[in-house]
C-alpha atoms as a PDB file:
ATOM      1  CA  MET A   1     -25.081 169.738 142.831  1.00  0.00           C
ATOM      2  CA  PHE A   2     -22.005 171.208 144.532  1.00  0.00           C
ATOM      3  CA  SER A   3     -21.100 174.641 143.206  1.00  0.00           C
ATOM      4  CA  GLY A   4     -18.528 175.875 145.658  1.00  0.00           C
ATOM      5  CA  GLY A   5     -21.044 178.272 147.214  1.00  0.00           C
ATOM      6  CA  ALA A   6     -22.258 178.441 150.807  1.00  0.00           C
ATOM      7  CA  ALA A   7     -25.855 177.397 150.127  1.00  0.00           C
ATOM      8  CA  SER A   8     -24.959 174.274 148.145  1.00  0.00           C
ATOM      9  CA  ALA A   9     -22.415 173.344 150.841  1.00  0.00           C
ATOM     10  CA  TYR A  10     -25.064 173.657 153.548  1.00  0.00           C
ATOM     11  CA  VAL A  11     -27.607 171.647 151.567  1.00  0.00           C
ATOM     12  CA  ALA A  12     -24.994 168.942 150.939  1.00  0.00           C
ATOM     13  CA  TYR A  13     -24.321 168.685 154.670  1.00  0.00           C
ATOM     14  CA  LYS A  14     -28.023 168.434 155.524  1.00  0.00           C
ATOM     15  CA  MET A  15     -28.675 165.779 152.888  1.00  0.00           C
ATOM     16  CA  VAL A  16     -25.798 163.633 154.107  1.00  0.00           C
ATOM     17  CA  GLN A  17     -27.148 163.940 157.641  1.00  0.00           C
ATOM     18  CA  ALA A  18     -30.622 162.947 156.444  1.00  0.00           C
ATOM     19  CA  HIS A  19     -29.780 160.134 154.024  1.00  0.00           C
ATOM     20  CA  GLY A  20     -26.288 158.905 154.922  1.00  0.00           C
ATOM     21  CA  LYS A  21     -22.966 159.192 153.093  1.00  0.00           C
ATOM     22  CA  GLU A  22     -23.517 155.960 151.205  1.00  0.00           C
ATOM     23  CA  HIS A  23     -26.568 157.436 149.457  1.00  0.00           C
ATOM     24  CA  CYS A  24     -25.089 160.830 148.572  1.00  0.00           C
ATOM     25  CA  ILE A  25     -22.822 162.148 145.812  1.00  0.00           C
ATOM     26  CA  LEU A  26     -21.159 165.551 145.999  1.00  0.00           C
ATOM     27  CA  PHE A  27     -21.163 166.438 142.307  1.00  0.00           C
ATOM     28  CA  PHE A  28     -19.095 169.219 140.750  1.00  0.00           C
ATOM     29  CA  THR A  29     -18.585 170.212 137.106  1.00  0.00           C
ATOM     30  CA  ASN A  30     -15.258 171.976 136.588  1.00  0.00           C
ATOM     31  CA  THR A  31     -14.873 174.650 133.896  1.00  0.00           C
ATOM     32  CA  LEU A  32     -11.101 174.941 134.521  1.00  0.00           C
ATOM     33  CA  TRP A  33     -11.578 178.688 135.030  1.00  0.00           C
ATOM     34  CA  GLU A  34     -12.582 178.531 138.691  1.00  0.00           C
ATOM     35  CA  ASP A  35     -10.837 180.681 141.291  1.00  0.00           C
ATOM     36  CA  ASP A  36      -8.229 178.730 143.278  1.00  0.00           C
ATOM     37  CA  ASP A  37      -9.904 179.594 146.572  1.00  0.00           C
ATOM     38  CA  ASN A  38     -13.128 177.942 145.395  1.00  0.00           C
ATOM     39  CA  TYR A  39     -11.253 174.645 145.180  1.00  0.00           C
ATOM     40  CA  ARG A  40      -9.844 175.176 148.673  1.00  0.00           C
ATOM     41  CA  PHE A  41     -13.327 175.819 150.048  1.00  0.00           C
ATOM     42  CA  MET A  42     -14.850 172.793 148.315  1.00  0.00           C
ATOM     43  CA  ASP A  43     -12.104 170.487 149.578  1.00  0.00           C
ATOM     44  CA  GLU A  44     -12.553 171.690 153.161  1.00  0.00           C
ATOM     45  CA  VAL A  45     -16.334 171.288 152.967  1.00  0.00           C
ATOM     46  CA  ALA A  46     -15.979 167.779 151.512  1.00  0.00           C
ATOM     47  CA  ASP A  47     -13.642 166.834 154.370  1.00  0.00           C
ATOM     48  CA  TYR A  48     -16.094 168.251 156.914  1.00  0.00           C
ATOM     49  CA  ILE A  49     -19.055 166.413 155.398  1.00  0.00           C
ATOM     50  CA  GLY A  50     -17.051 163.237 155.018  1.00  0.00           C
ATOM     51  CA  ILE A  51     -17.494 162.369 151.340  1.00  0.00           C
ATOM     52  CA  GLU A  52     -15.220 162.955 148.369  1.00  0.00           C
ATOM     53  CA  ILE A  53     -16.109 165.285 145.526  1.00  0.00           C
ATOM     54  CA  THR A  54     -17.218 163.563 142.329  1.00  0.00           C
ATOM     55  CA  GLU A  55     -15.874 165.783 139.569  1.00  0.00           C
ATOM     56  CA  ARG A  56     -16.599 165.830 135.865  1.00  0.00           C
ATOM     57  CA  ILE A  57     -14.392 167.790 133.464  1.00  0.00           C
ATOM     58  CA  ASP A  58     -15.042 168.241 129.764  1.00  0.00           C
ATOM     59  CA  GLY A  59     -11.365 169.177 129.279  1.00  0.00           C
ATOM     60  CA  ARG A  60     -12.038 172.436 127.462  1.00  0.00           C
ATOM     61  CA  THR A  61     -12.097 175.923 128.910  1.00  0.00           C
ATOM     62  CA  PRO A  62     -14.997 178.278 128.120  1.00  0.00           C
ATOM     63  CA  GLU A  63     -12.761 180.028 125.597  1.00  0.00           C
ATOM     64  CA  GLU A  64     -12.168 176.774 123.733  1.00  0.00           C
ATOM     65  CA  VAL A  65     -15.922 176.147 123.632  1.00  0.00           C
ATOM     66  CA  PHE A  66     -16.437 179.591 122.088  1.00  0.00           C
ATOM     67  CA  TYR A  67     -13.976 178.765 119.325  1.00  0.00           C
ATOM     68  CA  ASP A  68     -15.499 175.336 118.712  1.00  0.00           C
ATOM     69  CA  TYR A  69     -18.938 176.898 118.233  1.00  0.00           C
ATOM     70  CA  ARG A  70     -17.655 180.093 116.597  1.00  0.00           C
ATOM     71  CA  PHE A  71     -19.858 181.929 119.087  1.00  0.00           C
ATOM     72  CA  LEU A  72     -18.728 184.240 121.893  1.00  0.00           C
ATOM     73  CA  GLY A  73     -20.668 183.615 125.086  1.00  0.00           C
ATOM     74  CA  ASN A  74     -22.654 186.471 126.612  1.00  0.00           C
ATOM     75  CA  SER A  75     -25.355 187.132 129.186  1.00  0.00           C
ATOM     76  CA  ARG A  76     -28.055 185.927 126.793  1.00  0.00           C
ATOM     77  CA  LEU A  77     -26.473 182.688 125.591  1.00  0.00           C
ATOM     78  CA  ALA A  78     -23.558 180.835 127.156  1.00  0.00           C
ATOM     79  CA  LYS A  79     -22.580 177.655 125.307  1.00  0.00           C
ATOM     80  CA  CYS A  80     -19.801 177.212 127.852  1.00  0.00           C
ATOM     81  CA  SER A  81     -22.387 176.519 130.546  1.00  0.00           C
ATOM     82  CA  GLU A  82     -24.308 174.125 128.303  1.00  0.00           C
ATOM     83  CA  GLU A  83     -21.220 172.148 127.281  1.00  0.00           C
ATOM     84  CA  LEU A  84     -19.061 172.203 130.416  1.00  0.00           C
ATOM     85  CA  LYS A  85     -21.798 171.938 133.031  1.00  0.00           C
ATOM     86  CA  VAL A  86     -25.218 170.889 131.747  1.00  0.00           C
ATOM     87  CA  TYR A  87     -24.080 168.258 129.254  1.00  0.00           C
ATOM     88  CA  GLN A  88     -21.557 166.775 131.711  1.00  0.00           C
ATOM     89  CA  THR A  89     -24.282 166.587 134.347  1.00  0.00           C
ATOM     90  CA  VAL A  90     -26.854 164.891 132.138  1.00  0.00           C
ATOM     91  CA  VAL A  91     -24.315 162.316 130.916  1.00  0.00           C
ATOM     92  CA  PHE A  92     -23.318 161.525 134.516  1.00  0.00           C
ATOM     93  CA  LEU A  93     -26.944 161.112 135.574  1.00  0.00           C
ATOM     94  CA  GLU A  94     -27.661 158.716 132.723  1.00  0.00           C
ATOM     95  CA  GLU A  95     -24.555 156.715 133.705  1.00  0.00           C
ATOM     96  CA  LEU A  96     -25.940 156.368 137.222  1.00  0.00           C
ATOM     97  CA  ARG A  97     -29.080 154.883 135.705  1.00  0.00           C
ATOM     98  CA  ASP A  98     -27.521 152.690 133.031  1.00  0.00           C
ATOM     99  CA  LYS A  99     -24.345 151.437 134.735  1.00  0.00           C
ATOM    100  CA  HIS A 100     -25.333 151.445 138.398  1.00  0.00           C
ATOM    101  CA  ASN A 101     -29.110 150.998 138.288  1.00  0.00           C
ATOM    102  CA  LEU A 102     -29.600 154.094 140.451  1.00  0.00           C
ATOM    103  CA  GLU A 103     -32.291 156.729 140.130  1.00  0.00           C
ATOM    104  CA  PRO A 104     -30.792 160.114 141.028  1.00  0.00           C
ATOM    105  CA  ILE A 105     -32.522 162.942 142.860  1.00  0.00           C
ATOM    106  CA  LEU A 106     -30.881 166.343 142.471  1.00  0.00           C
ATOM    107  CA  TYR A 107     -30.535 168.726 145.415  1.00  0.00           C
ATOM    108  CA  PHE A 108     -29.763 172.392 144.764  1.00  0.00           C
ATOM    109  CA  GLY A 109     -28.738 175.187 147.126  1.00  0.00           C
ATOM    110  CA  ILE A 110     -31.141 177.797 145.771  1.00  0.00           C
ATOM    111  CA  GLY A 111     -32.797 180.216 148.191  1.00  0.00           C
ATOM    112  CA  PRO A 112     -36.375 181.569 148.360  1.00  0.00           C
ATOM    113  CA  HIS A 113     -35.358 184.729 146.472  1.00  0.00           C
ATOM    114  CA  GLU A 114     -34.365 182.618 143.456  1.00  0.00           C
ATOM    115  CA  THR A 115     -37.546 180.644 142.819  1.00  0.00           C
ATOM    116  CA  HIS A 116     -37.488 181.587 139.133  1.00  0.00           C
ATOM    117  CA  ARG A 117     -34.248 179.626 138.811  1.00  0.00           C
ATOM    118  CA  SER A 118     -35.640 176.619 140.649  1.00  0.00           C
ATOM    119  CA  ASP A 119     -38.639 176.646 138.297  1.00  0.00           C
ATOM    120  CA  ASN A 120     -36.322 176.684 135.273  1.00  0.00           C
ATOM    121  CA  LEU A 121     -34.291 173.784 136.634  1.00  0.00           C
ATOM    122  CA  ARG A 122     -37.386 171.726 137.350  1.00  0.00           C
ATOM    123  CA  GLU A 123     -38.524 172.179 133.778  1.00  0.00           C
ATOM    124  CA  PHE A 124     -35.088 171.424 132.360  1.00  0.00           C
ATOM    125  CA  TYR A 125     -34.645 168.118 134.206  1.00  0.00           C
ATOM    126  CA  LYS A 126     -38.168 167.063 133.288  1.00  0.00           C
ATOM    127  CA  HIS A 127     -37.418 167.208 129.566  1.00  0.00           C
ATOM    128  CA  TYR A 128     -33.717 166.990 128.723  1.00  0.00           C
ATOM    129  CA  PRO A 129     -32.630 163.699 130.334  1.00  0.00           C
ATOM    130  CA  LEU A 130     -33.956 160.546 128.667  1.00  0.00           C
ATOM    131  CA  GLU A 131     -36.475 160.268 131.495  1.00  0.00           C
ATOM    132  CA  PRO A 132     -37.479 163.029 133.952  1.00  0.00           C
ATOM    133  CA  ILE A 133     -35.200 163.477 136.968  1.00  0.00           C
ATOM    134  CA  GLU A 134     -36.564 164.743 140.259  1.00  0.00           C
ATOM    135  CA  THR A 135     -35.137 168.028 141.562  1.00  0.00           C
ATOM    136  CA  ARG A 136     -35.384 169.278 145.130  1.00  0.00           C
ATOM    137  CA  PHE A 137     -34.648 172.682 146.661  1.00  0.00           C
ATOM    138  CA  PRO A 138     -34.424 172.341 150.458  1.00  0.00           C
ATOM    139  CA  MET A 139     -33.663 176.027 151.028  1.00  0.00           C
ATOM    140  CA  ILE A 140     -37.120 176.752 149.565  1.00  0.00           C
ATOM    141  CA  GLU A 141     -39.173 173.617 150.234  1.00  0.00           C
ATOM    142  CA  THR A 142     -37.837 172.040 153.440  1.00  0.00           C
ATOM    143  CA  PHE A 143     -36.169 174.441 155.852  1.00  0.00           C
ATOM    144  CA  ARG A 144     -38.780 176.566 157.593  1.00  0.00           C
ATOM    145  CA  GLU A 145     -36.450 179.155 159.082  1.00  0.00           C
ATOM    146  CA  ASP A 146     -34.295 181.629 157.155  1.00  0.00           C
ATOM    147  CA  ILE A 147     -30.932 179.867 156.975  1.00  0.00           C
ATOM    148  CA  ASP A 148     -27.748 181.955 157.230  1.00  0.00           C
ATOM    149  CA  ALA A 149     -25.535 179.357 155.589  1.00  0.00           C
ATOM    150  CA  LYS A 150     -22.509 181.650 155.415  1.00  0.00           C
ATOM    151  CA  THR A 151     -22.458 182.269 159.167  1.00  0.00           C
ATOM    152  CA  ILE A 152     -23.044 178.586 159.954  1.00  0.00           C
ATOM    153  CA  ILE A 153     -20.171 177.484 157.728  1.00  0.00           C
ATOM    154  CA  GLN A 154     -17.711 180.125 158.844  1.00  0.00           C
ATOM    155  CA  ASN A 155     -18.507 180.238 162.577  1.00  0.00           C
ATOM    156  CA  GLY A 156     -19.988 176.792 163.175  1.00  0.00           C
ATOM    157  CA  TRP A 157     -17.899 174.658 160.853  1.00  0.00           C
ATOM    158  CA  GLY A 158     -14.768 176.802 161.075  1.00  0.00           C
ATOM    159  CA  ILE A 159     -14.370 176.963 157.299  1.00  0.00           C
ATOM    160  CA  LYS A 160     -13.453 180.247 155.639  1.00  0.00           C
ATOM    161  CA  LEU A 161     -15.816 181.201 152.845  1.00  0.00           C
ATOM    162  CA  PRO A 162     -14.537 181.572 149.269  1.00  0.00           C
ATOM    163  CA  ARG A 163     -12.714 184.877 148.940  1.00  0.00           C
ATOM    164  CA  MET A 164     -14.961 186.024 146.094  1.00  0.00           C
ATOM    165  CA  TYR A 165     -17.739 186.575 148.645  1.00  0.00           C
ATOM    166  CA  GLU A 166     -15.762 189.090 150.688  1.00  0.00           C
ATOM    167  CA  LEU A 167     -14.495 190.728 147.512  1.00  0.00           C
ATOM    168  CA  GLY A 168     -18.085 191.587 146.631  1.00  0.00           C
ATOM    169  CA  PHE A 169     -18.950 189.232 143.762  1.00  0.00           C
ATOM    170  CA  SER A 170     -22.585 188.115 143.647  1.00  0.00           C
ATOM    171  CA  HIS A 171     -21.501 184.744 142.269  1.00  0.00           C
ATOM    172  CA  ALA A 172     -18.132 183.057 141.931  1.00  0.00           C
ATOM    173  CA  ASN A 173     -18.445 181.498 138.486  1.00  0.00           C
ATOM    174  CA  CYS A 174     -15.253 181.059 136.493  1.00  0.00           C
ATOM    175  CA  GLY A 175     -13.105 183.128 138.815  1.00  0.00           C
ATOM    176  CA  GLY A 176     -14.917 186.327 137.867  1.00  0.00           C
ATOM    177  CA  ARG A 177     -14.586 185.768 134.116  1.00  0.00           C
ATOM    178  CA  CYS A 178     -18.197 184.621 133.748  1.00  0.00           C
ATOM    179  CA  VAL A 179     -19.623 185.808 130.424  1.00  0.00           C
ATOM    180  CA  ARG A 180     -23.045 186.072 132.036  1.00  0.00           C
ATOM    181  CA  GLY A 181     -21.777 188.931 134.198  1.00  0.00           C
ATOM    182  CA  GLY A 182     -22.922 192.465 133.423  1.00  0.00           C
ATOM    183  CA  PHE A 183     -21.488 195.968 133.755  1.00  0.00           C
ATOM    184  CA  GLY A 184     -21.355 195.952 137.551  1.00  0.00           C
ATOM    185  CA  HIS A 185     -19.737 192.540 137.587  1.00  0.00           C
ATOM    186  CA  TYR A 186     -17.008 193.472 135.123  1.00  0.00           C
ATOM    187  CA  ALA A 187     -16.344 196.809 136.837  1.00  0.00           C
ATOM    188  CA  LEU A 188     -15.752 194.894 140.058  1.00  0.00           C
ATOM    189  CA  LEU A 189     -13.510 192.397 138.265  1.00  0.00           C
ATOM    190  CA  TYR A 190     -11.423 195.279 136.887  1.00  0.00           C
ATOM    191  CA  LYS A 191     -11.180 196.856 140.336  1.00  0.00           C
ATOM    192  CA  VAL A 192     -10.282 193.641 142.172  1.00  0.00           C
ATOM    193  CA  TRP A 193      -8.296 191.718 139.556  1.00  0.00           C
ATOM    194  CA  PRO A 194      -7.288 194.001 136.680  1.00  0.00           C
ATOM    195  CA  GLY A 195      -5.016 191.287 135.296  1.00  0.00           C
ATOM    196  CA  ARG A 196      -7.909 188.832 135.128  1.00  0.00           C
ATOM    197  CA  TYR A 197     -10.068 191.464 133.440  1.00  0.00           C
ATOM    198  CA  LYS A 198      -7.285 191.963 130.879  1.00  0.00           C
ATOM    199  CA  GLU A 199      -7.220 188.210 130.194  1.00  0.00           C
ATOM    200  CA  GLN A 200     -10.932 188.339 129.417  1.00  0.00           C
ATOM    201  CA  GLU A 201     -10.474 191.447 127.304  1.00  0.00           C
ATOM    202  CA  GLU A 202      -7.692 189.789 125.303  1.00  0.00           C
ATOM    203  CA  MET A 203      -9.800 186.662 124.847  1.00  0.00           C
ATOM    204  CA  GLU A 204     -12.625 188.784 123.455  1.00  0.00           C
ATOM    205  CA  GLU A 205     -10.322 190.780 121.144  1.00  0.00           C
ATOM    206  CA  ASN A 206      -8.644 187.619 119.825  1.00  0.00           C
ATOM    207  CA  PHE A 207     -12.031 186.034 119.102  1.00  0.00           C
ATOM    208  CA  ARG A 208     -13.220 189.125 117.238  1.00  0.00           C
ATOM    209  CA  LYS A 209     -10.106 189.185 115.085  1.00  0.00           C
ATOM    210  CA  HIS A 210     -10.006 185.432 114.471  1.00  0.00           C
ATOM    211  CA  PHE A 211     -13.595 185.218 113.205  1.00  0.00           C
ATOM    212  CA  GLU A 212     -13.788 188.804 111.914  1.00  0.00           C
ATOM    213  CA  LYS A 213     -17.004 189.337 113.847  1.00  0.00           C
ATOM    214  CA  ASN A 214     -18.202 192.459 115.641  1.00  0.00           C
ATOM    215  CA  VAL A 215     -19.294 190.641 118.789  1.00  0.00           C
ATOM    216  CA  SER A 216     -18.797 191.214 122.500  1.00  0.00           C
ATOM    217  CA  ILE A 217     -19.707 189.885 125.923  1.00  0.00           C
ATOM    218  CA  LEU A 218     -21.448 193.132 126.893  1.00  0.00           C
ATOM    219  CA  LYS A 219     -23.954 195.193 124.936  1.00  0.00           C
ATOM    220  CA  LYS A 220     -24.737 198.891 125.210  1.00  0.00           C
ATOM    221  CA  ASP A 221     -27.558 200.745 123.465  1.00  0.00           C
ATOM    222  CA  GLY A 222     -28.334 197.605 121.471  1.00  0.00           C
ATOM    223  CA  ARG A 223     -24.862 197.195 119.990  1.00  0.00           C
ATOM    224  CA  PRO A 224     -21.685 195.335 120.917  1.00  0.00           C
ATOM    225  CA  PHE A 225     -19.665 197.078 123.636  1.00  0.00           C
ATOM    226  CA  THR A 226     -16.250 195.483 124.052  1.00  0.00           C
ATOM    227  CA  LEU A 227     -14.376 194.986 127.283  1.00  0.00           C
ATOM    228  CA  LYS A 228     -11.664 197.212 125.810  1.00  0.00           C
ATOM    229  CA  GLU A 229     -14.185 200.027 125.345  1.00  0.00           C
ATOM    230  CA  TYR A 230     -15.545 199.433 128.833  1.00  0.00           C
ATOM    231  CA  ARG A 231     -12.052 199.479 130.394  1.00  0.00           C
ATOM    232  CA  GLU A 232     -11.347 202.796 128.704  1.00  0.00           C
ATOM    233  CA  GLN A 233     -14.594 204.169 130.147  1.00  0.00           C
ATOM    234  CA  LEU A 234     -13.726 202.823 133.606  1.00  0.00           C
ATOM    235  CA  ASP A 235     -10.295 204.475 133.431  1.00  0.00           C
ATOM    236  CA  ARG A 236     -11.795 207.724 132.222  1.00  0.00           C
ATOM    237  CA  ASP A 237     -14.774 208.011 134.568  1.00  0.00           C
ATOM    238  CA  GLY A 238     -13.521 206.041 137.577  1.00  0.00           C
ATOM    239  CA  VAL A 239     -14.192 202.378 138.235  1.00  0.00           C
ATOM    240  CA  SER A 240     -15.836 203.108 141.609  1.00  0.00           C
ATOM    241  CA  ASN A 241     -18.729 204.765 139.786  1.00  0.00           C
ATOM    242  CA  PHE A 242     -19.630 201.476 138.115  1.00  0.00           C
ATOM    243  CA  VAL A 243     -19.084 198.680 140.657  1.00  0.00           C
ATOM    244  CA  ASN A 244     -22.512 199.178 142.246  1.00  0.00           C
ATOM    245  CA  ILE A 245     -24.456 198.834 139.005  1.00  0.00           C
ATOM    246  CA  LYS A 246     -27.246 196.314 139.543  1.00  0.00           C
ATOM    247  CA  ASP A 247     -26.856 193.606 136.922  1.00  0.00           C
ATOM    248  CA  GLU A 248     -29.921 191.733 135.709  1.00  0.00           C
ATOM    249  CA  THR A 249     -27.834 188.807 134.533  1.00  0.00           C
ATOM    250  CA  VAL A 250     -27.724 185.477 136.363  1.00  0.00           C
ATOM    251  CA  PRO A 251     -25.031 182.866 136.952  1.00  0.00           C
ATOM    252  CA  CYS A 252     -24.719 179.662 134.953  1.00  0.00           C
ATOM    253  CA  VAL A 253     -27.702 177.349 134.994  1.00  0.00           C
ATOM    254  CA  CYS A 254     -25.820 174.742 137.006  1.00  0.00           C
ATOM    255  CA  THR A 255     -23.651 176.860 139.307  1.00  0.00           C
ATOM    256  CA  PHE A 256     -25.176 178.745 142.189  1.00  0.00           C
ATOM    257  CA  SER A 257     -23.784 180.841 145.009  1.00  0.00           C
END
């Protein structure tokens, strides 16, 4: 399950070393919103490991999914993740079974500090495919030492990490436009890429007008708080006062840093 992050890249390398290229698939679900440097990183990692990326694309962007479902994604519910990542993954896994007579085992690059996410994934792949699919988390279950995947990749493999790491993002989903991001995430997006923030703001405003709904990606005091309102607050109070807010939100269920 190749996300474009350092941990999943390291796990992919170790699994190929353990099981051989002929038994491994480097699987990536593309939302079409990813940052260009993520693609660069994934291509370089695939070349280093020695296997091509197997990519599945729904064809829609997250915005198009929101319109299809008449529901704007947010930190509590993100249909974009379900449609563009989870559904594409489950369909691919069933194809491996039906067309190729293979039984897949999923490897994820999730660390010991994210065991709640590994538990959720275990439960999901037990119930949502037609038959349960085994999931493994080598960063938690196999490797005894604390692995510094970022240093290994950058210094050992000679591959520059995705730029979103050095820019301060906690995860690199959808080029910073991830609807599961919170106040700290969007403050950082506005600071780093104000144009990209404005694209997300315009998407939200257009959705609100099109469906005549008072909805937003963020919420404040139990009510919708639009990206336009947040931008005005950032301009008024200073964006630097907000970039260190600790968000309780998490990345997509199938994409991990």
